[in-house]
Every structure is written in structure tokens, then in C-alpha cells.
C-alpha atoms as a PDB file:
ATOM      1  CA  MET A   1       0.009   0.040   0.178  1.00  0.00           C
ATOM      2  CA  VAL A   2       0.831   3.532  -0.715  1.00  0.00           C
ATOM      3  CA  ASN A   3       1.440   5.373   2.563  1.00  0.00           C
ATOM      4  CA  GLU A   4      -1.021   8.410   2.397  1.00  0.00           C
ATOM      5  CA  GLY A   5       0.102  10.561   5.662  1.00  0.00           C
ATOM      6  CA  THR A   6       0.136  14.068   6.006  1.00  0.00           C
ATOM      7  CA  ASP A   7       3.328  16.016   5.689  1.00  0.00           C
ATOM      8  CA  ASN A   8       5.464  14.599   8.183  1.00  0.00           C
ATOM      9  CA  THR A   9       6.997  17.758   9.896  1.00  0.00           C
ATOM     10  CA  SER A  10       4.133  16.838  12.724  1.00  0.00           C
ATOM     11  CA  ALA A  11       6.807  14.921  13.970  1.00  0.00           C
ATOM     12  CA  LYS A  12       9.491  17.766  14.673  1.00  0.00           C
ATOM     13  CA  PRO A  13       6.849  19.340  17.546  1.00  0.00           C
ATOM     14  CA  TYR A  14       7.771  16.416  19.571  1.00  0.00           C
ATOM     15  CA  TYR A  15      11.317  16.431  19.654  1.00  0.00           C
ATOM     16  CA  ASP A  16      11.280  20.035  20.000  1.00  0.00           C
ATOM     17  CA  GLY A  17       9.039  19.878  23.036  1.00  0.00           C
ATOM     18  CA  LEU A  18      11.070  16.922  24.772  1.00  0.00           C
ATOM     19  CA  GLY A  19      14.823  18.218  23.959  1.00  0.00           C
ATOM     20  CA  HIS A  20      16.305  18.498  27.097  1.00  0.00           C
ATOM     21  CA  GLN A  21      14.345  15.786  28.266  1.00  0.00           C
ATOM     22  CA  TYR A  22      14.743  13.591  25.545  1.00  0.00           C
ATOM     23  CA  ASP A  23      17.954  11.289  27.393  1.00  0.00           C
ATOM     24  CA  VAL A  24      15.456  10.657  30.305  1.00  0.00           C
ATOM     25  CA  VAL A  25      12.656   9.704  28.606  1.00  0.00           C
ATOM     26  CA  THR A  26      14.727   6.994  26.376  1.00  0.00           C
ATOM     27  CA  ARG A  27      16.733   6.007  29.572  1.00  0.00           C
ATOM     28  CA  ALA A  28      15.970   2.200  29.037  1.00  0.00           C
ATOM     29  CA  GLN A  29      17.395   2.442  25.463  1.00  0.00           C
ATOM     30  CA  GLN A  30      21.095   1.050  25.712  1.00  0.00           C
ATOM     31  CA  TYR A  31      22.414   2.969  22.944  1.00  0.00           C
ATOM     32  CA  GLU A  32      26.143   1.840  23.740  1.00  0.00           C
ATOM     33  CA  ILE A  33      24.723  -1.783  22.461  1.00  0.00           C
ATOM     34  CA  TRP A  34      23.021  -0.208  19.067  1.00  0.00           C
ATOM     35  CA  VAL A  35      26.245   1.870  18.003  1.00  0.00           C
ATOM     36  CA  GLN A  36      28.654  -1.324  18.707  1.00  0.00           C
ATOM     37  CA  MET A  37      26.156  -3.164  16.665  1.00  0.00           C
ATOM     38  CA  TYR A  38      26.115  -0.720  13.949  1.00  0.00           C
ATOM     39  CA  ALA A  39      30.229  -0.698  14.258  1.00  0.00           C
ATOM     40  CA  ASP A  40      30.271  -4.493  13.797  1.00  0.00           C
ATOM     41  CA  LEU A  41      28.032  -3.896  10.900  1.00  0.00           C
ATOM     42  CA  ILE A  42      30.128  -1.831   9.278  1.00  0.00           C
ATOM     43  CA  GLU A  43      33.108  -4.118   9.929  1.00  0.00           C
ATOM     44  CA  TRP A  44      31.665  -7.060   8.319  1.00  0.00           C
ATOM     45  CA  HIS A  45      30.291  -5.482   5.429  1.00  0.00           C
ATOM     46  CA  GLY A  46      32.810  -3.030   4.843  1.00  0.00           C
ATOM     47  CA  ALA A  47      32.910   0.554   3.880  1.00  0.00           C
ATOM     48  CA  PRO A  48      35.438   2.682   1.519  1.00  0.00           C
ATOM     49  CA  GLY A  49      36.795   4.257   4.648  1.00  0.00           C
ATOM     50  CA  LYS A  50      36.025   6.130   8.012  1.00  0.00           C
ATOM     51  CA  ARG A  51      33.782   9.315   6.954  1.00  0.00           C
ATOM     52  CA  LEU A  52      30.584   8.578   8.244  1.00  0.00           C
ATOM     53  CA  LEU A  53      26.977  10.634   8.152  1.00  0.00           C
ATOM     54  CA  ASP A  54      24.540   9.724  10.972  1.00  0.00           C
ATOM     55  CA  ILE A  55      21.236  10.827   9.804  1.00  0.00           C
ATOM     56  CA  GLY A  56      18.699  11.694  12.609  1.00  0.00           C
ATOM     57  CA  CYS A  57      21.203  11.668  15.507  1.00  0.00           C
ATOM     58  CA  GLY A  58      18.871  13.185  18.031  1.00  0.00           C
ATOM     59  CA  THR A  59      20.850  14.426  21.180  1.00  0.00           C
ATOM     60  CA  GLY A  60      24.064  12.715  19.757  1.00  0.00           C
ATOM     61  CA  LYS A  61      24.347   9.347  21.145  1.00  0.00           C
ATOM     62  CA  SER A  62      24.821   7.247  18.136  1.00  0.00           C
ATOM     63  CA  ALA A  63      27.171  10.130  16.536  1.00  0.00           C
ATOM     64  CA  LEU A  64      29.297  10.738  19.679  1.00  0.00           C
ATOM     65  CA  GLY A  65      29.360   6.709  20.163  1.00  0.00           C
ATOM     66  CA  LEU A  66      30.653   5.905  16.365  1.00  0.00           C
ATOM     67  CA  SER A  67      33.005   8.836  16.887  1.00  0.00           C
ATOM     68  CA  GLN A  68      34.110   7.567  20.024  1.00  0.00           C
ATOM     69  CA  LEU A  69      34.983   4.173  17.973  1.00  0.00           C
ATOM     70  CA  GLY A  70      36.923   5.816  15.280  1.00  0.00           C
ATOM     71  CA  PHE A  71      35.026   7.359  12.992  1.00  0.00           C
ATOM     72  CA  GLN A  72      34.788  10.737  11.275  1.00  0.00           C
ATOM     73  CA  VAL A  73      31.261  11.643  12.019  1.00  0.00           C
ATOM     74  CA  THR A  74      28.540  14.484  10.859  1.00  0.00           C
ATOM     75  CA  GLY A  75      25.603  14.189  12.724  1.00  0.00           C
ATOM     76  CA  VAL A  76      22.272  15.575  11.225  1.00  0.00           C
ATOM     77  CA  ASP A  77      19.093  16.229  12.847  1.00  0.00           C
ATOM     78  CA  PHE A  78      15.688  18.645  12.218  1.00  0.00           C
ATOM     79  CA  SER A  79      15.355  19.611  15.611  1.00  0.00           C
ATOM     80  CA  GLU A  80      17.849  22.583  16.828  1.00  0.00           C
ATOM     81  CA  SER A  81      16.413  21.494  20.553  1.00  0.00           C
ATOM     82  CA  MET A  82      18.158  18.047  20.043  1.00  0.00           C
ATOM     83  CA  LEU A  83      20.848  19.342  18.721  1.00  0.00           C
ATOM     84  CA  ASP A  84      21.719  21.799  21.253  1.00  0.00           C
ATOM     85  CA  VAL A  85      21.578  19.238  23.763  1.00  0.00           C
ATOM     86  CA  ALA A  86      24.247  16.944  21.760  1.00  0.00           C
ATOM     87  CA  ARG A  87      26.475  19.851  21.543  1.00  0.00           C
ATOM     88  CA  THR A  88      27.280  19.952  25.383  1.00  0.00           C
ATOM     89  CA  LYS A  89      27.808  16.415  25.807  1.00  0.00           C
ATOM     90  CA  PRO A  90      31.472  15.102  26.396  1.00  0.00           C
ATOM     91  CA  GLY A  91      33.176  14.556  22.783  1.00  0.00           C
ATOM     92  CA  ALA A  92      30.982  16.608  20.732  1.00  0.00           C
ATOM     93  CA  ASP A  93      33.855  19.141  19.590  1.00  0.00           C
ATOM     94  CA  ALA A  94      34.913  15.563  17.661  1.00  0.00           C
ATOM     95  CA  VAL A  95      31.272  15.715  15.564  1.00  0.00           C
ATOM     96  CA  ASN A  96      30.194  18.190  13.315  1.00  0.00           C
ATOM     97  CA  PHE A  97      26.218  18.757  14.142  1.00  0.00           C
ATOM     98  CA  VAL A  98      24.195  19.967  11.327  1.00  0.00           C
ATOM     99  CA  LEU A  99      20.471  21.000  11.194  1.00  0.00           C
ATOM    100  CA  ALA A 100      18.848  19.629   8.394  1.00  0.00           C
ATOM    101  CA  ASP A 101      15.981  17.281   7.249  1.00  0.00           C
ATOM    102  CA  ILE A 102      16.886  14.019   5.592  1.00  0.00           C
ATOM    103  CA  ARG A 103      14.457  15.083   2.861  1.00  0.00           C
ATOM    104  CA  GLU A 104      16.313  17.636   1.535  1.00  0.00           C
ATOM    105  CA  LEU A 105      20.206  16.809   3.191  1.00  0.00           C
ATOM    106  CA  PRO A 106      22.252  19.447   2.040  1.00  0.00           C
ATOM    107  CA  GLU A 107      26.239  18.997   0.466  1.00  0.00           C
ATOM    108  CA  LEU A 108      28.004  17.585   3.309  1.00  0.00           C
ATOM    109  CA  GLY A 109      30.241  14.729   2.209  1.00  0.00           C
ATOM    110  CA  PRO A 110      31.310  12.602   0.487  1.00  0.00           C
ATOM    111  CA  PHE A 111      31.073   9.951   3.160  1.00  0.00           C
ATOM    112  CA  ASP A 112      31.636   6.460   3.182  1.00  0.00           C
ATOM    113  CA  VAL A 113      28.889   5.299   5.193  1.00  0.00           C
ATOM    114  CA  ALA A 114      25.541   6.763   6.097  1.00  0.00           C
ATOM    115  CA  THR A 115      23.204   5.140   9.103  1.00  0.00           C
ATOM    116  CA  THR A 116      20.263   6.001  10.772  1.00  0.00           C
ATOM    117  CA  MET A 117      19.906   4.697  14.135  1.00  0.00           C
ATOM    118  CA  GLY A 118      16.566   4.235  16.261  1.00  0.00           C
ATOM    119  CA  GLU A 119      14.174   4.118  13.369  1.00  0.00           C
ATOM    120  CA  PRO A 120      14.038   7.842  12.230  1.00  0.00           C
ATOM    121  CA  LEU A 121      12.924   6.976   9.026  1.00  0.00           C
ATOM    122  CA  ILE A 122       9.345   6.203  10.856  1.00  0.00           C
ATOM    123  CA  HIS A 123       8.642   9.692  10.210  1.00  0.00           C
ATOM    124  CA  LEU A 124       8.365   9.805   6.864  1.00  0.00           C
ATOM    125  CA  SER A 125       5.017   9.764   5.523  1.00  0.00           C
ATOM    126  CA  ARG A 126       4.563   9.125   2.109  1.00  0.00           C
ATOM    127  CA  ASP A 127       7.084   7.011  -0.445  1.00  0.00           C
ATOM    128  CA  SER A 128       7.925   9.927  -2.079  1.00  0.00           C
ATOM    129  CA  GLU A 129       9.445  11.007   1.095  1.00  0.00           C
ATOM    130  CA  LEU A 130      11.292   8.107   1.552  1.00  0.00           C
ATOM    131  CA  GLU A 131      12.443   8.241  -1.942  1.00  0.00           C
ATOM    132  CA  ASP A 132      13.652  11.779  -1.509  1.00  0.00           C
ATOM    133  CA  SER A 133      15.257  11.007   1.578  1.00  0.00           C
ATOM    134  CA  PHE A 134      17.053   7.838  -0.184  1.00  0.00           C
ATOM    135  CA  ARG A 135      18.243  10.208  -3.071  1.00  0.00           C
ATOM    136  CA  GLY A 136      19.929  12.448  -0.391  1.00  0.00           C
ATOM    137  CA  VAL A 137      21.977   9.556   1.471  1.00  0.00           C
ATOM    138  CA  ALA A 138      23.005   8.451  -1.999  1.00  0.00           C
ATOM    139  CA  ARG A 139      24.327  11.869  -3.213  1.00  0.00           C
ATOM    140  CA  SER A 140      26.285  12.151   0.104  1.00  0.00           C
ATOM    141  CA  LEU A 141      28.078   8.650  -0.421  1.00  0.00           C
ATOM    142  CA  GLU A 142      31.221   7.611  -2.609  1.00  0.00           C
ATOM    143  CA  PRO A 143      30.327   5.096  -4.951  1.00  0.00           C
ATOM    144  CA  GLY A 144      30.598   1.830  -3.181  1.00  0.00           C
ATOM    145  CA  GLY A 145      29.409   3.631   0.342  1.00  0.00           C
ATOM    146  CA  LEU A 146      27.909   1.832   2.585  1.00  0.00           C
ATOM    147  CA  PHE A 147      23.595   2.756   3.959  1.00  0.00           C
ATOM    148  CA  ILE A 148      22.617   1.199   7.144  1.00  0.00           C
ATOM    149  CA  PHE A 149      19.047   1.898   8.655  1.00  0.00           C
ATOM    150  CA  ASP A 150      16.755   0.061  10.740  1.00  0.00           C
ATOM    151  CA  LEU A 151      12.681   0.186  10.739  1.00  0.00           C
ATOM    152  CA  PRO A 152      10.315  -1.502  12.837  1.00  0.00           C
ATOM    153  CA  THR A 153       8.499  -4.667  11.465  1.00  0.00           C
ATOM    154  CA  ALA A 154       4.771  -4.814  10.902  1.00  0.00           C
ATOM    155  CA  GLY A 155       3.784  -6.945  14.003  1.00  0.00           C
ATOM    156  CA  TYR A 156       5.989  -4.476  16.272  1.00  0.00           C
ATOM    157  CA  ALA A 157       3.896  -1.415  14.995  1.00  0.00           C
ATOM    158  CA  ASP A 158       0.875  -3.019  15.780  1.00  0.00           C
ATOM    159  CA  ARG A 159       1.999  -4.030  19.331  1.00  0.00           C
ATOM    160  CA  LEU A 160       3.203  -0.225  19.366  1.00  0.00           C
ATOM    161  CA  SER A 161      -0.303   0.652  18.985  1.00  0.00           C
ATOM    162  CA  LYS A 162      -1.359  -0.715  21.792  1.00  0.00           C
ATOM    163  CA  TRP A 163       1.432  -0.039  24.438  1.00  0.00           C
ATOM    164  CA  ARG A 164       0.537   1.586  27.840  1.00  0.00           C
ATOM    165  CA  VAL A 165       4.137   1.546  29.646  1.00  0.00           C
ATOM    166  CA  ILE A 166       5.003   3.426  32.726  1.00  0.00           C
ATOM    167  CA  ASP A 167       8.700   4.491  33.462  1.00  0.00           C
ATOM    168  CA  ASP A 168       9.230   5.389  36.956  1.00  0.00           C
ATOM    169  CA  GLY A 169      12.597   6.509  38.026  1.00  0.00           C
ATOM    170  CA  GLY A 170      11.285   8.563  41.107  1.00  0.00           C
ATOM    171  CA  ASP A 171      11.678  12.253  40.205  1.00  0.00           C
ATOM    172  CA  VAL A 172      10.755  11.782  36.533  1.00  0.00           C
ATOM    173  CA  ILE A 173       8.031   9.489  35.752  1.00  0.00           C
ATOM    174  CA  VAL A 174       7.114   8.516  31.927  1.00  0.00           C
ATOM    175  CA  LEU A 175       4.052   7.409  30.543  1.00  0.00           C
ATOM    176  CA  TRP A 176       4.175   5.674  26.814  1.00  0.00           C
ATOM    177  CA  ARG A 177       0.475   5.144  25.193  1.00  0.00           C
ATOM    178  CA  GLY A 178       0.248   3.857  21.458  1.00  0.00           C
ATOM    179  CA  ALA A 179      -2.817   4.491  19.231  1.00  0.00           C
ATOM    180  CA  PRO A 180      -3.310   3.350  15.702  1.00  0.00           C
ATOM    181  CA  ARG A 181      -3.330   5.894  13.081  1.00  0.00           C
ATOM    182  CA  ASP A 182      -5.945   5.472  10.147  1.00  0.00           C
ATOM    183  CA  ASP A 183      -3.899   7.003   7.166  1.00  0.00           C
ATOM    184  CA  GLY A 184      -1.621   4.262   6.792  1.00  0.00           C
ATOM    185  CA  ASP A 185      -1.237   0.260   7.285  1.00  0.00           C
ATOM    186  CA  HIS A 186       0.420  -0.101  10.934  1.00  0.00           C
ATOM    187  CA  ALA A 187       0.484   3.838  11.248  1.00  0.00           C
ATOM    188  CA  VAL A 188       0.786   4.386  15.022  1.00  0.00           C
ATOM    189  CA  ASP A 189       0.756   7.721  17.185  1.00  0.00           C
ATOM    190  CA  VAL A 190       3.010   7.306  19.918  1.00  0.00           C
ATOM    191  CA  THR A 191       2.118   9.749  22.984  1.00  0.00           C
ATOM    192  CA  VAL A 192       4.824  10.551  25.743  1.00  0.00           C
ATOM    193  CA  ASP A 193       3.719  12.202  29.048  1.00  0.00           C
ATOM    194  CA  THR A 194       6.410  13.265  31.689  1.00  0.00           C
ATOM    195  CA  PHE A 195       5.768  14.144  34.882  1.00  0.00           C
ATOM    196  CA  THR A 196       8.850  15.703  36.592  1.00  0.00           C
ATOM    197  CA  LYS A 197       8.688  16.291  40.318  1.00  0.00           C
ATOM    198  CA  VAL A 198       9.187  19.826  41.306  1.00  0.00           C
ATOM    199  CA  ASP A 199       8.559  19.482  44.789  1.00  0.00           C
ATOM    200  CA  ASP A 200       7.283  17.337  47.621  1.00  0.00           C
ATOM    201  CA  GLU A 201       3.589  18.177  46.518  1.00  0.00           C
ATOM    202  CA  ASN A 202       3.666  19.555  42.535  1.00  0.00           C
ATOM    203  CA  TRP A 203       4.833  17.660  39.600  1.00  0.00           C
ATOM    204  CA  HIS A 204       5.250  19.415  36.074  1.00  0.00           C
ATOM    205  CA  ARG A 205       3.758  17.251  32.979  1.00  0.00           C
ATOM    206  CA  THR A 206       4.553  17.755  29.390  1.00  0.00           C
ATOM    207  CA  SER A 207       3.021  15.877  26.548  1.00  0.00           C
ATOM    208  CA  GLU A 208       3.900  15.133  23.126  1.00  0.00           C
ATOM    209  CA  THR A 209       2.806  13.001  20.272  1.00  0.00           C
ATOM    210  CA  LEU A 210       4.606  11.436  17.770  1.00  0.00           C
ATOM    211  CA  PRO A 211       3.232  10.078  14.295  1.00  0.00           C
ATOM    212  CA  CYS A 212       5.130   6.722  13.420  1.00  0.00           C
ATOM    213  CA  TYR A 213       4.572   5.214   9.675  1.00  0.00           C
ATOM    214  CA  TYR A 214       5.154   1.718   8.428  1.00  0.00           C
ATOM    215  CA  PHE A 215       6.947   1.142   5.307  1.00  0.00           C
ATOM    216  CA  SER A 216       6.917  -2.607   3.692  1.00  0.00           C
ATOM    217  CA  PRO A 217      10.021  -4.523   2.479  1.00  0.00           C
ATOM    218  CA  GLU A 218       8.508  -3.989  -0.978  1.00  0.00           C
ATOM    219  CA  GLN A 219       8.183  -0.197  -0.569  1.00  0.00           C
ATOM    220  CA  VAL A 220      11.564   0.293   0.813  1.00  0.00           C
ATOM    221  CA  GLU A 221      13.546  -1.611  -2.019  1.00  0.00           C
ATOM    222  CA  ARG A 222      11.739   0.115  -4.443  1.00  0.00           C
ATOM    223  CA  ALA A 223      13.015   3.533  -3.209  1.00  0.00           C
ATOM    224  CA  LEU A 224      16.846   1.969  -2.562  1.00  0.00           C
ATOM    225  CA  ARG A 225      16.543   0.703  -6.255  1.00  0.00           C
ATOM    226  CA  ALA A 226      15.151   4.204  -7.418  1.00  0.00           C
ATOM    227  CA  ALA A 227      18.035   6.240  -5.614  1.00  0.00           C
ATOM    228  CA  GLY A 228      20.877   3.942  -6.715  1.00  0.00           C
ATOM    229  CA  PHE A 229      21.291   1.519  -3.851  1.00  0.00           C
ATOM    230  CA  LYS A 230      21.548  -2.464  -3.963  1.00  0.00           C
ATOM    231  CA  THR A 231      20.668  -3.913  -1.246  1.00  0.00           C
ATOM    232  CA  GLU A 232      23.095  -6.582   0.303  1.00  0.00           C
ATOM    233  CA  THR A 233      21.697  -7.990   3.471  1.00  0.00           C
ATOM    234  CA  VAL A 234      18.689  -7.443   5.628  1.00  0.00           C
ATOM    235  CA  TYR A 235      18.680  -8.742   9.251  1.00  0.00           C
ATOM    236  CA  GLY A 236      16.103  -9.167  11.624  1.00  0.00           C
ATOM    237  CA  LEU A 237      16.089  -8.437  15.152  1.00  0.00           C
ATOM    238  CA  TYR A 238      15.012 -10.561  17.756  1.00  0.00           C
ATOM    239  CA  GLN A 239      15.152  -9.911  21.549  1.00  0.00           C
ATOM    240  CA  GLY A 240      18.643  -8.258  20.687  1.00  0.00           C
ATOM    241  CA  VAL A 241      19.982 -10.560  18.628  1.00  0.00           C
ATOM    242  CA  LEU A 242      20.376 -10.226  14.576  1.00  0.00           C
ATOM    243  CA  GLN A 243      18.919 -12.752  12.402  1.00  0.00           C
ATOM    244  CA  GLU A 244      19.720 -13.506   8.993  1.00  0.00           C
ATOM    245  CA  SER A 245      16.533 -13.233   7.663  1.00  0.00           C
ATOM    246  CA  VAL A 246      13.031 -11.097   8.963  1.00  0.00           C
ATOM    247  CA  ASP A 247       9.942 -12.217  10.056  1.00  0.00           C
ATOM    248  CA  GLU A 248       7.737  -9.072  10.142  1.00  0.00           C
ATOM    249  CA  GLU A 249       5.277 -10.489  12.738  1.00  0.00           C
ATOM    250  CA  LEU A 250       7.843 -11.791  15.319  1.00  0.00           C
ATOM    251  CA  HIS A 251      10.815  -9.520  15.119  1.00  0.00           C
ATOM    252  CA  ARG A 252      11.275  -6.028  16.786  1.00  0.00           C
ATOM    253  CA  LYS A 253      12.947  -4.440  13.595  1.00  0.00           C
ATOM    254  CA  SER A 254      14.847  -5.100  10.529  1.00  0.00           C
ATOM    255  CA  ILE A 255      18.383  -3.528   9.862  1.00  0.00           C
ATOM    256  CA  VAL A 256      18.793  -2.972   6.068  1.00  0.00           C
ATOM    257  CA  ILE A 257      22.474  -3.100   4.575  1.00  0.00           C
ATOM    258  CA  ALA A 258      22.419  -1.318   0.859  1.00  0.00           C
ATOM    259  CA  ARG A 259      25.469  -0.043  -0.979  1.00  0.00           C
ATOM    260  CA  LYS A 260      25.702   2.814  -3.411  1.00  0.00           C
ATOM    261  CA  THR A 261      26.039   1.232  -6.869  1.00  0.00           C
ATOM    262  CA  PHE A 262      28.742   3.142  -9.156  1.00  0.00           C
ATOM    263  CA  ARG A 263      26.559   4.871 -10.796  1.00  0.00           C
ATOM    264  CA  SER A 264      23.538   6.384  -9.396  1.00  0.00           C
ATOM    265  CA  ALA A 265      19.684   6.270 -10.988  1.00  0.00           C
ATOM    266  CA  ALA A 266      18.974   9.511 -11.669  1.00  0.00           C
ATOM    267  CA  VAL A 267      16.487  11.912 -10.245  1.00  0.00           C
ATOM    268  CA  PRO A 268      13.617  12.526 -12.421  1.00  0.00           C
ATOM    269  CA  GLY A 269      13.536  16.223 -14.134  1.00  0.00           C
ATOM    270  CA  THR A 270      17.089  16.226 -14.555  1.00  0.00           C
ATOM    271  CA  ALA A 271      19.434  15.469 -17.268  1.00  0.00           C
END
């Protein structure tokens, strides 16, 4: 099915609103594990060099982690609030943080490898946005460059739509709530309510809702081919362990390994 969602800028207020609370809200996510997994995948599949573009870098957990592992990292995100946090962290002076949208990537490269970690592509609401994003990544990569990204499976998206999770951290309590959307297969709204203790009697509440969209393996493959990529491998992730194939019902996410071909596909309307 072709996604027919609204413009995905509706995801931006979520990240701008969380900004300085994002690391608290996502404290249960062990980014050091994902960073090492991506670094291992880059080593296993091979990239022309160490120049790395980390797209959707948020507060810098992935970009800084990859930088510490020896990559020359440029981190891109569309939320200035998130980047403000990233720039204050230890090691931030070694990373070039840039405000940009994946759908309209500026000339930043060339790079040897591009990554998106933590499923930022779910905020794209249309096939055309996915294709534009992949073309931008291809333009940023050297021929033979590696593109690694992750996406939720259909089964996980459906489970996410029924989520009711409370993370009680004492002075900060986070409530996660999922609900299905009606503008795409397996589309979900995720609402995050954050309660921060002010004093013994008062709490401050913030609430942000994030629209999330699903792209089928067929949609992803079409968009990759149109941008000049060849898919090398698609791994499934089950209970934190990589699987050699993807079960769209059982697995948490798919991790796609794509290679820029030596001649990218032409962008429509150009010679």
C-alpha cells in the first residue's frame, strides 16, 4: 500500500518539545549496544573509509558513540533543541552537528558510510518522502558507500499501537501510550507524558505525540533501487540478537544493509 499520511513535520514538535528531556525519556534504551552493533555491521560489510554521516542523530548518542569508535562523524537532525543537547556532551567537539532534514539533505559529503539508528525513517509519511531521503543519502555517499538503517516490523508497529508503559524513575515518571492511526497500514501515534517532580507536592507535566509510519519491505526496496542502491542484506532483530532473515510478525525491527552502486539512478526532471 502507498502511504498517504500528512506532511511529517508533525514529528518535529515532538522532538523540539522533549529536547532537554529526551535522554531521560529514553533512558531505558541502551544506545551503547546499538552503536557497537552498527560498528560491527560496518566492519563485516566493509565501507570505503571512516567518514560517516549519522542521520537523525538527535541528542548525539549514536553520533558520539560512533565518533569514539574512530569514525569521522557528521551528525544531522531536524530538531535544533535536540542538537543543542548533543553539542554540550563530552566529545561533541569531534563531531560536526548540522541542522537538516533527511528529505532535503544539503551537500555535506562525500561520506563512506551513512547510518540512521533508532528508526528515524518512521517519521516519513509517504513513499515519495522515502525516495527523496534515499536519493539525498546516495548523493552524500562515495560510490560503493554503505547505507545502514533500521525500521520497525509490521508486527512491532501493531504491538506499539497497544502500548501502555510506565517508567518510574522517582523524580521523573514517563508514560508511553500507543494508538493506531487511520492514514496508513500499521501507522501509529505514540504519546509520551513526562511528569517531573517540582517539590513534595507538585509535579510538572509535558505531553508530546509522535506520528509513526510503516514501510513494507517492497516499498523500501523500490525506494532504494530508485536512489541507486543495491540491497546486500536485511537482518531481523529478535530479543537484541541479529537474525539472518526478517519475520515481520515476530521480530522487533529490520536492519537494512545497502550499497551505493557506482552509478546512481537519475533524479526525475534532471539530465
